[in-house]
Amino acid sequence: MMVEPLTDEELKQKLEEFVERYHKKDEDGAQYQELLERLAVAKAKHPVFADGIYEGTGRVGEEYGELCQAINHNEPEERIMSEAWDLLCVVWRFVRGDWCHDE
């Protein structure tokens, strides 16, 4: 199935809608609170994030792949954003050093 490319005006409109919907300042802390809640769920579900930096990097790659698949399969916006949140949680845990296990 061929999809017709968007006109410049249609593309501009879609971009404006996207920015309106997602480019919000987190003035009330709701996005940060959402992140904290999702991190708590992720830690409960996967207490051991990774065994070392290389496995941690692999976890980031896996989540990025899931986000790309959602986009490539034209999943609904809610699904794509859910995958984006999952990726953010994994990257946060990676950067926080959850892959490092002091002995």
PDB file of N, CA and C in Angstrom:
ATOM      1  N   MET A   1       0.841  -1.168   0.000  1.00  0.00           N
ATOM      2  CA  MET A   1       0.000   0.000   0.000  1.00  0.00           C
ATOM      3  C   MET A   1       0.891   1.238   0.000  1.00  0.00           C
ATOM      4  N   MET A   2       0.759   2.069  -1.012  1.00  0.00           N
ATOM      5  CA  MET A   2       1.522   3.309  -1.115  1.00  0.00           C
ATOM      6  C   MET A   2       0.848   4.390  -0.295  1.00  0.00           C
ATOM      7  N   VAL A   3       1.632   5.102   0.432  1.00  0.00           N
ATOM      8  CA  VAL A   3       1.129   6.220   1.207  1.00  0.00           C
ATOM      9  C   VAL A   3       1.619   7.492   0.534  1.00  0.00           C
ATOM     10  N   GLU A   4       0.693   8.386   0.301  1.00  0.00           N
ATOM     11  CA  GLU A   4       1.052   9.657  -0.324  1.00  0.00           C
ATOM     12  C   GLU A   4       1.839  10.506   0.672  1.00  0.00           C
ATOM     13  N   PRO A   5       2.930  11.115   0.223  1.00  0.00           N
ATOM     14  CA  PRO A   5       3.667  11.982   1.134  1.00  0.00           C
ATOM     15  C   PRO A   5       2.843  13.199   1.530  1.00  0.00           C
ATOM     16  N   LEU A   6       3.128  13.700   2.717  1.00  0.00           N
ATOM     17  CA  LEU A   6       2.414  14.882   3.193  1.00  0.00           C
ATOM     18  C   LEU A   6       2.892  16.120   2.447  1.00  0.00           C
ATOM     19  N   THR A   7       1.987  17.048   2.254  1.00  0.00           N
ATOM     20  CA  THR A   7       2.381  18.334   1.690  1.00  0.00           C
ATOM     21  C   THR A   7       3.138  19.098   2.766  1.00  0.00           C
ATOM     22  N   ASP A   8       3.809  20.157   2.380  1.00  0.00           N
ATOM     23  CA  ASP A   8       4.531  20.970   3.353  1.00  0.00           C
ATOM     24  C   ASP A   8       3.580  21.502   4.422  1.00  0.00           C
ATOM     25  N   GLU A   9       2.400  21.910   4.002  1.00  0.00           N
ATOM     26  CA  GLU A   9       1.420  22.453   4.943  1.00  0.00           C
ATOM     27  C   GLU A   9       0.926  21.362   5.904  1.00  0.00           C
ATOM     28  N   GLU A  10       0.675  20.163   5.393  1.00  0.00           N
ATOM     29  CA  GLU A  10       0.233  19.058   6.250  1.00  0.00           C
ATOM     30  C   GLU A  10       1.334  18.670   7.246  1.00  0.00           C
ATOM     31  N   LEU A  11       2.562  18.644   6.771  1.00  0.00           N
ATOM     32  CA  LEU A  11       3.683  18.312   7.631  1.00  0.00           C
ATOM     33  C   LEU A  11       3.839  19.361   8.737  1.00  0.00           C
ATOM     34  N   LYS A  12       3.717  20.620   8.364  1.00  0.00           N
ATOM     35  CA  LYS A  12       3.812  21.704   9.337  1.00  0.00           C
ATOM     36  C   LYS A  12       2.716  21.565  10.393  1.00  0.00           C
ATOM     37  N   GLN A  13       1.491  21.256   9.954  1.00  0.00           N
ATOM     38  CA  GLN A  13       0.364  21.094  10.875  1.00  0.00           C
ATOM     39  C   GLN A  13       0.611  19.925  11.839  1.00  0.00           C
ATOM     40  N   LYS A  14       1.099  18.799  11.328  1.00  0.00           N
ATOM     41  CA  LYS A  14       1.373  17.631  12.170  1.00  0.00           C
ATOM     42  C   LYS A  14       2.459  17.951  13.196  1.00  0.00           C
ATOM     43  N   LEU A  15       3.493  18.662  12.760  1.00  0.00           N
ATOM     44  CA  LEU A  15       4.565  19.039  13.664  1.00  0.00           C
ATOM     45  C   LEU A  15       4.040  19.965  14.759  1.00  0.00           C
ATOM     46  N   GLU A  16       3.222  20.922  14.399  1.00  0.00           N
ATOM     47  CA  GLU A  16       2.644  21.828  15.390  1.00  0.00           C
ATOM     48  C   GLU A  16       1.780  21.068  16.393  1.00  0.00           C
ATOM     49  N   GLU A  17       1.002  20.090  15.921  1.00  0.00           N
ATOM     50  CA  GLU A  17       0.179  19.277  16.816  1.00  0.00           C
ATOM     51  C   GLU A  17       1.049  18.471  17.766  1.00  0.00           C
ATOM     52  N   PHE A  18       2.136  17.906  17.238  1.00  0.00           N
ATOM     53  CA  PHE A  18       3.046  17.115  18.061  1.00  0.00           C
ATOM     54  C   PHE A  18       3.664  17.985  19.150  1.00  0.00           C
ATOM     55  N   VAL A  19       4.163  19.152  18.766  1.00  0.00           N
ATOM     56  CA  VAL A  19       4.782  20.053  19.732  1.00  0.00           C
ATOM     57  C   VAL A  19       3.768  20.473  20.789  1.00  0.00           C
ATOM     58  N   GLU A  20       2.547  20.778  20.358  1.00  0.00           N
ATOM     59  CA  GLU A  20       1.499  21.177  21.300  1.00  0.00           C
ATOM     60  C   GLU A  20       1.218  20.071  22.313  1.00  0.00           C
ATOM     61  N   ARG A  21       1.211  18.836  21.838  1.00  0.00           N
ATOM     62  CA  ARG A  21       0.855  17.706  22.694  1.00  0.00           C
ATOM     63  C   ARG A  21       1.995  17.298  23.623  1.00  0.00           C
ATOM     64  N   TYR A  22       3.240  17.281  23.130  1.00  0.00           N
ATOM     65  CA  TYR A  22       4.327  16.682  23.901  1.00  0.00           C
ATOM     66  C   TYR A  22       5.405  17.637  24.385  1.00  0.00           C
ATOM     67  N   HIS A  23       5.512  18.789  23.818  1.00  0.00           N
ATOM     68  CA  HIS A  23       6.565  19.698  24.243  1.00  0.00           C
ATOM     69  C   HIS A  23       6.025  20.611  25.340  1.00  0.00           C
ATOM     70  N   LYS A  24       5.877  20.012  26.497  1.00  0.00           N
ATOM     71  CA  LYS A  24       5.322  20.735  27.636  1.00  0.00           C
ATOM     72  C   LYS A  24       6.385  20.830  28.719  1.00  0.00           C
ATOM     73  N   LYS A  25       6.411  21.937  29.383  1.00  0.00           N
ATOM     74  CA  LYS A  25       7.284  22.048  30.538  1.00  0.00           C
ATOM     75  C   LYS A  25       6.644  21.259  31.676  1.00  0.00           C
ATOM     76  N   ASP A  26       7.470  20.677  32.472  1.00  0.00           N
ATOM     77  CA  ASP A  26       6.986  19.862  33.586  1.00  0.00           C
ATOM     78  C   ASP A  26       6.833  20.732  34.829  1.00  0.00           C
ATOM     79  N   GLU A  27       6.047  21.799  34.690  1.00  0.00           N
ATOM     80  CA  GLU A  27       5.910  22.775  35.767  1.00  0.00           C
ATOM     81  C   GLU A  27       5.330  22.188  37.043  1.00  0.00           C
ATOM     82  N   ASP A  28       4.430  21.237  36.926  1.00  0.00           N
ATOM     83  CA  ASP A  28       3.826  20.669  38.131  1.00  0.00           C
ATOM     84  C   ASP A  28       4.505  19.366  38.560  1.00  0.00           C
ATOM     85  N   GLY A  29       5.533  18.954  37.834  1.00  0.00           N
ATOM     86  CA  GLY A  29       6.266  17.752  38.203  1.00  0.00           C
ATOM     87  C   GLY A  29       5.584  16.459  37.822  1.00  0.00           C
ATOM     88  N   ALA A  30       4.519  16.514  37.035  1.00  0.00           N
ATOM     89  CA  ALA A  30       3.758  15.308  36.690  1.00  0.00           C
ATOM     90  C   ALA A  30       4.591  14.320  35.869  1.00  0.00           C
ATOM     91  N   GLN A  31       5.385  14.828  34.940  1.00  0.00           N
ATOM     92  CA  GLN A  31       6.193  13.918  34.117  1.00  0.00           C
ATOM     93  C   GLN A  31       7.280  13.260  34.961  1.00  0.00           C
ATOM     94  N   TYR A  32       7.886  14.027  35.852  1.00  0.00           N
ATOM     95  CA  TYR A  32       8.903  13.457  36.725  1.00  0.00           C
ATOM     96  C   TYR A  32       8.269  12.423  37.661  1.00  0.00           C
ATOM     97  N   GLN A  33       7.098  12.705  38.176  1.00  0.00           N
ATOM     98  CA  GLN A  33       6.397  11.755  39.036  1.00  0.00           C
ATOM     99  C   GLN A  33       6.071  10.480  38.264  1.00  0.00           C
ATOM    100  N   GLU A  34       5.640  10.641  37.013  1.00  0.00           N
ATOM    101  CA  GLU A  34       5.366   9.479  36.151  1.00  0.00           C
ATOM    102  C   GLU A  34       6.629   8.637  35.998  1.00  0.00           C
ATOM    103  N   LEU A  35       7.752   9.297  35.778  1.00  0.00           N
ATOM    104  CA  LEU A  35       9.019   8.580  35.645  1.00  0.00           C
ATOM    105  C   LEU A  35       9.340   7.816  36.927  1.00  0.00           C
ATOM    106  N   LEU A  36       9.195   8.442  38.068  1.00  0.00           N
ATOM    107  CA  LEU A  36       9.486   7.775  39.333  1.00  0.00           C
ATOM    108  C   LEU A  36       8.593   6.553  39.547  1.00  0.00           C
ATOM    109  N   GLU A  37       7.326   6.693  39.207  1.00  0.00           N
ATOM    110  CA  GLU A  37       6.400   5.565  39.356  1.00  0.00           C
ATOM    111  C   GLU A  37       6.777   4.418  38.421  1.00  0.00           C
ATOM    112  N   ARG A  38       7.106   4.751  37.185  1.00  0.00           N
ATOM    113  CA  ARG A  38       7.495   3.716  36.224  1.00  0.00           C
ATOM    114  C   ARG A  38       8.819   3.057  36.623  1.00  0.00           C
ATOM    115  N   LEU A  39       9.737   3.844  37.185  1.00  0.00           N
ATOM    116  CA  LEU A  39      10.994   3.270  37.651  1.00  0.00           C
ATOM    117  C   LEU A  39      10.761   2.292  38.787  1.00  0.00           C
ATOM    118  N   ALA A  40       9.845   2.612  39.693  1.00  0.00           N
ATOM    119  CA  ALA A  40       9.534   1.709  40.805  1.00  0.00           C
ATOM    120  C   ALA A  40       8.947   0.398  40.288  1.00  0.00           C
ATOM    121  N   VAL A  41       8.061   0.483  39.311  1.00  0.00           N
ATOM    122  CA  VAL A  41       7.469  -0.719  38.718  1.00  0.00           C
ATOM    123  C   VAL A  41       8.552  -1.547  38.020  1.00  0.00           C
ATOM    124  N   ALA A  42       9.428  -0.874  37.275  1.00  0.00           N
ATOM    125  CA  ALA A  42      10.496  -1.570  36.547  1.00  0.00           C
ATOM    126  C   ALA A  42      11.440  -2.271  37.522  1.00  0.00           C
ATOM    127  N   LYS A  43      11.781  -1.597  38.611  1.00  0.00           N
ATOM    128  CA  LYS A  43      12.691  -2.203  39.585  1.00  0.00           C
ATOM    129  C   LYS A  43      12.047  -3.400  40.277  1.00  0.00           C
ATOM    130  N   ALA A  44      10.748  -3.322  40.553  1.00  0.00           N
ATOM    131  CA  ALA A  44      10.044  -4.452  41.161  1.00  0.00           C
ATOM    132  C   ALA A  44       9.970  -5.629  40.189  1.00  0.00           C
ATOM    133  N   LYS A  45       9.744  -5.322  38.931  1.00  0.00           N
ATOM    134  CA  LYS A  45       9.622  -6.366  37.899  1.00  0.00           C
ATOM    135  C   LYS A  45      10.980  -6.964  37.546  1.00  0.00           C
ATOM    136  N   HIS A  46      12.016  -6.119  37.512  1.00  0.00           N
ATOM    137  CA  HIS A  46      13.372  -6.538  37.147  1.00  0.00           C
ATOM    138  C   HIS A  46      14.360  -5.997  38.183  1.00  0.00           C
ATOM    139  N   PRO A  47      14.439  -6.645  39.362  1.00  0.00           N
ATOM    140  CA  PRO A  47      15.307  -6.121  40.419  1.00  0.00           C
ATOM    141  C   PRO A  47      16.778  -6.037  39.993  1.00  0.00           C
ATOM    142  N   VAL A  48      17.229  -7.012  39.224  1.00  0.00           N
ATOM    143  CA  VAL A  48      18.594  -6.970  38.697  1.00  0.00           C
ATOM    144  C   VAL A  48      18.500  -6.410  37.285  1.00  0.00           C
ATOM    145  N   PHE A  49      19.001  -5.193  37.124  1.00  0.00           N
ATOM    146  CA  PHE A  49      18.906  -4.520  35.829  1.00  0.00           C
ATOM    147  C   PHE A  49      19.794  -5.204  34.796  1.00  0.00           C
ATOM    148  N   ALA A  50      21.059  -5.377  35.133  1.00  0.00           N
ATOM    149  CA  ALA A  50      22.011  -5.980  34.203  1.00  0.00           C
ATOM    150  C   ALA A  50      23.254  -6.380  34.979  1.00  0.00           C
ATOM    151  N   ASP A  51      23.983  -7.329  34.438  1.00  0.00           N
ATOM    152  CA  ASP A  51      25.256  -7.750  35.017  1.00  0.00           C
ATOM    153  C   ASP A  51      26.391  -7.118  34.234  1.00  0.00           C
ATOM    154  N   GLY A  52      26.640  -5.860  34.525  1.00  0.00           N
ATOM    155  CA  GLY A  52      27.741  -5.159  33.881  1.00  0.00           C
ATOM    156  C   GLY A  52      27.287  -4.157  32.835  1.00  0.00           C
ATOM    157  N   ILE A  53      28.236  -3.317  32.447  1.00  0.00           N
ATOM    158  CA  ILE A  53      27.935  -2.224  31.533  1.00  0.00           C
ATOM    159  C   ILE A  53      27.523  -2.716  30.144  1.00  0.00           C
ATOM    160  N   TYR A  54      28.110  -3.816  29.693  1.00  0.00           N
ATOM    161  CA  TYR A  54      27.796  -4.300  28.349  1.00  0.00           C
ATOM    162  C   TYR A  54      26.378  -4.853  28.269  1.00  0.00           C
ATOM    163  N   GLU A  55      25.985  -5.595  29.288  1.00  0.00           N
ATOM    164  CA  GLU A  55      24.608  -6.088  29.322  1.00  0.00           C
ATOM    165  C   GLU A  55      23.630  -4.929  29.498  1.00  0.00           C
ATOM    166  N   GLY A  56      24.024  -3.920  30.282  1.00  0.00           N
ATOM    167  CA  GLY A  56      23.189  -2.728  30.447  1.00  0.00           C
ATOM    168  C   GLY A  56      22.982  -2.014  29.121  1.00  0.00           C
ATOM    169  N   THR A  57      24.063  -1.908  28.346  1.00  0.00           N
ATOM    170  CA  THR A  57      23.958  -1.296  27.021  1.00  0.00           C
ATOM    171  C   THR A  57      23.020  -2.102  26.137  1.00  0.00           C
ATOM    172  N   GLY A  58      23.074  -3.396  26.262  1.00  0.00           N
ATOM    173  CA  GLY A  58      22.160  -4.269  25.502  1.00  0.00           C
ATOM    174  C   GLY A  58      20.710  -4.023  25.873  1.00  0.00           C
ATOM    175  N   ARG A  59      20.455  -3.786  27.158  1.00  0.00           N
ATOM    176  CA  ARG A  59      19.084  -3.495  27.599  1.00  0.00           C
ATOM    177  C   ARG A  59      18.574  -2.215  26.937  1.00  0.00           C
ATOM    178  N   VAL A  60      19.431  -1.206  26.864  1.00  0.00           N
ATOM    179  CA  VAL A  60      19.050   0.050  26.209  1.00  0.00           C
ATOM    180  C   VAL A  60      18.720  -0.223  24.740  1.00  0.00           C
ATOM    181  N   GLY A  61      19.567  -0.991  24.073  1.00  0.00           N
ATOM    182  CA  GLY A  61      19.335  -1.322  22.661  1.00  0.00           C
ATOM    183  C   GLY A  61      18.030  -2.071  22.442  1.00  0.00           C
ATOM    184  N   GLU A  62      17.722  -3.006  23.345  1.00  0.00           N
ATOM    185  CA  GLU A  62      16.472  -3.768  23.228  1.00  0.00           C
ATOM    186  C   GLU A  62      15.263  -2.848  23.315  1.00  0.00           C
ATOM    187  N   GLU A  63      15.284  -1.943  24.290  1.00  0.00           N
ATOM    188  CA  GLU A  63      14.143  -1.033  24.445  1.00  0.00           C
ATOM    189  C   GLU A  63      14.016  -0.077  23.267  1.00  0.00           C
ATOM    190  N   TYR A  64      15.160   0.390  22.766  1.00  0.00           N
ATOM    191  CA  TYR A  64      15.125   1.260  21.594  1.00  0.00           C
ATOM    192  C   TYR A  64      14.523   0.502  20.411  1.00  0.00           C
ATOM    193  N   GLY A  65      14.889  -0.762  20.276  1.00  0.00           N
ATOM    194  CA  GLY A  65      14.338  -1.595  19.204  1.00  0.00           C
ATOM    195  C   GLY A  65      12.825  -1.744  19.328  1.00  0.00           C
ATOM    196  N   GLU A  66      12.329  -1.891  20.542  1.00  0.00           N
ATOM    197  CA  GLU A  66      10.888  -2.009  20.742  1.00  0.00           C
ATOM    198  C   GLU A  66      10.166  -0.713  20.357  1.00  0.00           C
ATOM    199  N   LEU A  67      10.777   0.416  20.681  1.00  0.00           N
ATOM    200  CA  LEU A  67      10.193   1.699  20.276  1.00  0.00           C
ATOM    201  C   LEU A  67      10.163   1.806  18.753  1.00  0.00           C
ATOM    202  N   CYS A  68      11.258   1.449  18.114  1.00  0.00           N
ATOM    203  CA  CYS A  68      11.316   1.495  16.644  1.00  0.00           C
ATOM    204  C   CYS A  68      10.292   0.557  16.009  1.00  0.00           C
ATOM    205  N   GLN A  69      10.113  -0.621  16.580  1.00  0.00           N
ATOM    206  CA  GLN A  69       9.117  -1.556  16.056  1.00  0.00           C
ATOM    207  C   GLN A  69       7.712  -0.987  16.161  1.00  0.00           C
ATOM    208  N   ALA A  70       7.413  -0.356  17.274  1.00  0.00           N
ATOM    209  CA  ALA A  70       6.089   0.254  17.447  1.00  0.00           C
ATOM    210  C   ALA A  70       5.853   1.310  16.371  1.00  0.00           C
ATOM    211  N   ILE A  71       6.883   2.093  16.087  1.00  0.00           N
ATOM    212  CA  ILE A  71       6.765   3.120  15.053  1.00  0.00           C
ATOM    213  C   ILE A  71       6.629   2.470  13.679  1.00  0.00           C
ATOM    214  N   ASN A  72       7.491   1.502  13.390  1.00  0.00           N
ATOM    215  CA  ASN A  72       7.486   0.853  12.077  1.00  0.00           C
ATOM    216  C   ASN A  72       6.202   0.076  11.792  1.00  0.00           C
ATOM    217  N   HIS A  73       5.556  -0.411  12.844  1.00  0.00           N
ATOM    218  CA  HIS A  73       4.306  -1.146  12.679  1.00  0.00           C
ATOM    219  C   HIS A  73       3.088  -0.231  12.782  1.00  0.00           C
ATOM    220  N   ASN A  74       3.357   1.074  12.771  1.00  0.00           N
ATOM    221  CA  ASN A  74       2.283   2.072  12.785  1.00  0.00           C
ATOM    222  C   ASN A  74       1.321   1.860  13.957  1.00  0.00           C
ATOM    223  N   GLU A  75       1.914   1.569  15.119  1.00  0.00           N
ATOM    224  CA  GLU A  75       1.116   1.372  16.327  1.00  0.00           C
ATOM    225  C   GLU A  75       0.463   2.699  16.725  1.00  0.00           C
ATOM    226  N   PRO A  76      -0.578   2.635  17.534  1.00  0.00           N
ATOM    227  CA  PRO A  76      -1.222   3.875  17.994  1.00  0.00           C
ATOM    228  C   PRO A  76      -0.250   4.730  18.821  1.00  0.00           C
ATOM    229  N   GLU A  77      -0.541   5.984  18.863  1.00  0.00           N
ATOM    230  CA  GLU A  77       0.298   6.961  19.574  1.00  0.00           C
ATOM    231  C   GLU A  77       0.531   6.557  21.030  1.00  0.00           C
ATOM    232  N   GLU A  78      -0.498   6.050  21.686  1.00  0.00           N
ATOM    233  CA  GLU A  78      -0.366   5.659  23.093  1.00  0.00           C
ATOM    234  C   GLU A  78       0.674   4.557  23.255  1.00  0.00           C
ATOM    235  N   ARG A  79       0.690   3.613  22.334  1.00  0.00           N
ATOM    236  CA  ARG A  79       1.661   2.508  22.389  1.00  0.00           C
ATOM    237  C   ARG A  79       3.078   3.032  22.174  1.00  0.00           C
ATOM    238  N   ILE A  80       3.233   3.937  21.221  1.00  0.00           N
ATOM    239  CA  ILE A  80       4.546   4.511  20.946  1.00  0.00           C
ATOM    240  C   ILE A  80       5.049   5.275  22.165  1.00  0.00           C
ATOM    241  N   MET A  81       4.189   6.070  22.773  1.00  0.00           N
ATOM    242  CA  MET A  81       4.598   6.819  23.955  1.00  0.00           C
ATOM    243  C   MET A  81       4.910   5.890  25.125  1.00  0.00           C
ATOM    244  N   SER A  82       4.186   4.789  25.246  1.00  0.00           N
ATOM    245  CA  SER A  82       4.473   3.821  26.295  1.00  0.00           C
ATOM    246  C   SER A  82       5.871   3.232  26.101  1.00  0.00           C
ATOM    247  N   GLU A  83       6.212   2.911  24.863  1.00  0.00           N
ATOM    248  CA  GLU A  83       7.550   2.396  24.567  1.00  0.00           C
ATOM    249  C   GLU A  83       8.611   3.457  24.822  1.00  0.00           C
ATOM    250  N   ALA A  84       8.287   4.712  24.549  1.00  0.00           N
ATOM    251  CA  ALA A  84       9.232   5.799  24.822  1.00  0.00           C
ATOM    252  C   ALA A  84       9.486   5.914  26.324  1.00  0.00           C
ATOM    253  N   TRP A  85       8.433   5.792  27.126  1.00  0.00           N
ATOM    254  CA  TRP A  85       8.598   5.805  28.588  1.00  0.00           C
ATOM    255  C   TRP A  85       9.455   4.629  29.034  1.00  0.00           C
ATOM    256  N   ASP A  86       9.214   3.440  28.456  1.00  0.00           N
ATOM    257  CA  ASP A  86      10.023   2.271  28.814  1.00  0.00           C
ATOM    258  C   ASP A  86      11.494   2.514  28.503  1.00  0.00           C
ATOM    259  N   LEU A  87      11.755   3.091  27.334  1.00  0.00           N
ATOM    260  CA  LEU A  87      13.136   3.397  26.960  1.00  0.00           C
ATOM    261  C   LEU A  87      13.745   4.389  27.943  1.00  0.00           C
ATOM    262  N   LEU A  88      12.999   5.409  28.309  1.00  0.00           N
ATOM    263  CA  LEU A  88      13.493   6.402  29.259  1.00  0.00           C
ATOM    264  C   LEU A  88      13.857   5.743  30.589  1.00  0.00           C
ATOM    265  N   CYS A  89      13.020   4.839  31.056  1.00  0.00           N
ATOM    266  CA  CYS A  89      13.295   4.150  32.324  1.00  0.00           C
ATOM    267  C   CYS A  89      14.578   3.324  32.238  1.00  0.00           C
ATOM    268  N   VAL A  90      14.754   2.623  31.140  1.00  0.00           N
ATOM    269  CA  VAL A  90      15.951   1.792  30.983  1.00  0.00           C
ATOM    270  C   VAL A  90      17.199   2.670  30.886  1.00  0.00           C
ATOM    271  N   VAL A  91      17.120   3.744  30.128  1.00  0.00           N
ATOM    272  CA  VAL A  91      18.265   4.651  30.028  1.00  0.00           C
ATOM    273  C   VAL A  91      18.567   5.266  31.390  1.00  0.00           C
ATOM    274  N   TRP A  92      17.529   5.645  32.123  1.00  0.00           N
ATOM    275  CA  TRP A  92      17.717   6.226  33.455  1.00  0.00           C
ATOM    276  C   TRP A  92      18.447   5.235  34.358  1.00  0.00           C
ATOM    277  N   ARG A  93      18.002   3.973  34.347  1.00  0.00           N
ATOM    278  CA  ARG A  93      18.639   2.958  35.183  1.00  0.00           C
ATOM    279  C   ARG A  93      20.076   2.714  34.740  1.00  0.00           C
ATOM    280  N   PHE A  94      20.317   2.770  33.448  1.00  0.00           N
ATOM    281  CA  PHE A  94      21.676   2.598  32.934  1.00  0.00           C
ATOM    282  C   PHE A  94      22.578   3.734  33.408  1.00  0.00           C
ATOM    283  N   VAL A  95      22.136   4.963  33.214  1.00  0.00           N
ATOM    284  CA  VAL A  95      22.927   6.140  33.594  1.00  0.00           C
ATOM    285  C   VAL A  95      23.115   6.195  35.114  1.00  0.00           C
ATOM    286  N   ARG A  96      22.119   5.769  35.843  1.00  0.00           N
ATOM    287  CA  ARG A  96      22.189   5.764  37.306  1.00  0.00           C
ATOM    288  C   ARG A  96      23.191   4.720  37.807  1.00  0.00           C
ATOM    289  N   GLY A  97      23.556   3.792  36.942  1.00  0.00           N
ATOM    290  CA  GLY A  97      24.546   2.782  37.315  1.00  0.00           C
ATOM    291  C   GLY A  97      23.960   1.515  37.880  1.00  0.00           C
ATOM    292  N   ASP A  98      22.697   1.214  37.559  1.00  0.00           N
ATOM    293  CA  ASP A  98      22.073  -0.005  38.077  1.00  0.00           C
ATOM    294  C   ASP A  98      22.757  -1.272  37.562  1.00  0.00           C
ATOM    295  N   TRP A  99      23.601  -1.145  36.563  1.00  0.00           N
ATOM    296  CA  TRP A  99      24.351  -2.286  36.028  1.00  0.00           C
ATOM    297  C   TRP A  99      25.572  -2.614  36.892  1.00  0.00           C
ATOM    298  N   CYS A 100      25.969  -1.692  37.769  1.00  0.00           N
ATOM    299  CA  CYS A 100      27.166  -1.844  38.588  1.00  0.00           C
ATOM    300  C   CYS A 100      26.780  -2.479  39.919  1.00  0.00           C
ATOM    301  N   HIS A 101      27.373  -3.612  40.210  1.00  0.00           N
ATOM    302  CA  HIS A 101      27.087  -4.319  41.455  1.00  0.00           C
ATOM    303  C   HIS A 101      28.343  -4.368  42.301  1.00  0.00           C
ATOM    304  N   ASP A 102      28.428  -3.476  43.286  1.00  0.00           N
ATOM    305  CA  ASP A 102      29.586  -3.465  44.178  1.00  0.00           C
ATOM    306  C   ASP A 102      29.576  -4.728  45.031  1.00  0.00           C
ATOM    307  N   GLU A 103      30.720  -5.299  45.152  1.00  0.00           N
ATOM    308  CA  GLU A 103      30.808  -6.546  45.922  1.00  0.00           C
ATOM    309  C   GLU A 103      31.507  -6.342  47.218  1.00  0.00           C
TER     310      GLU A 103
END
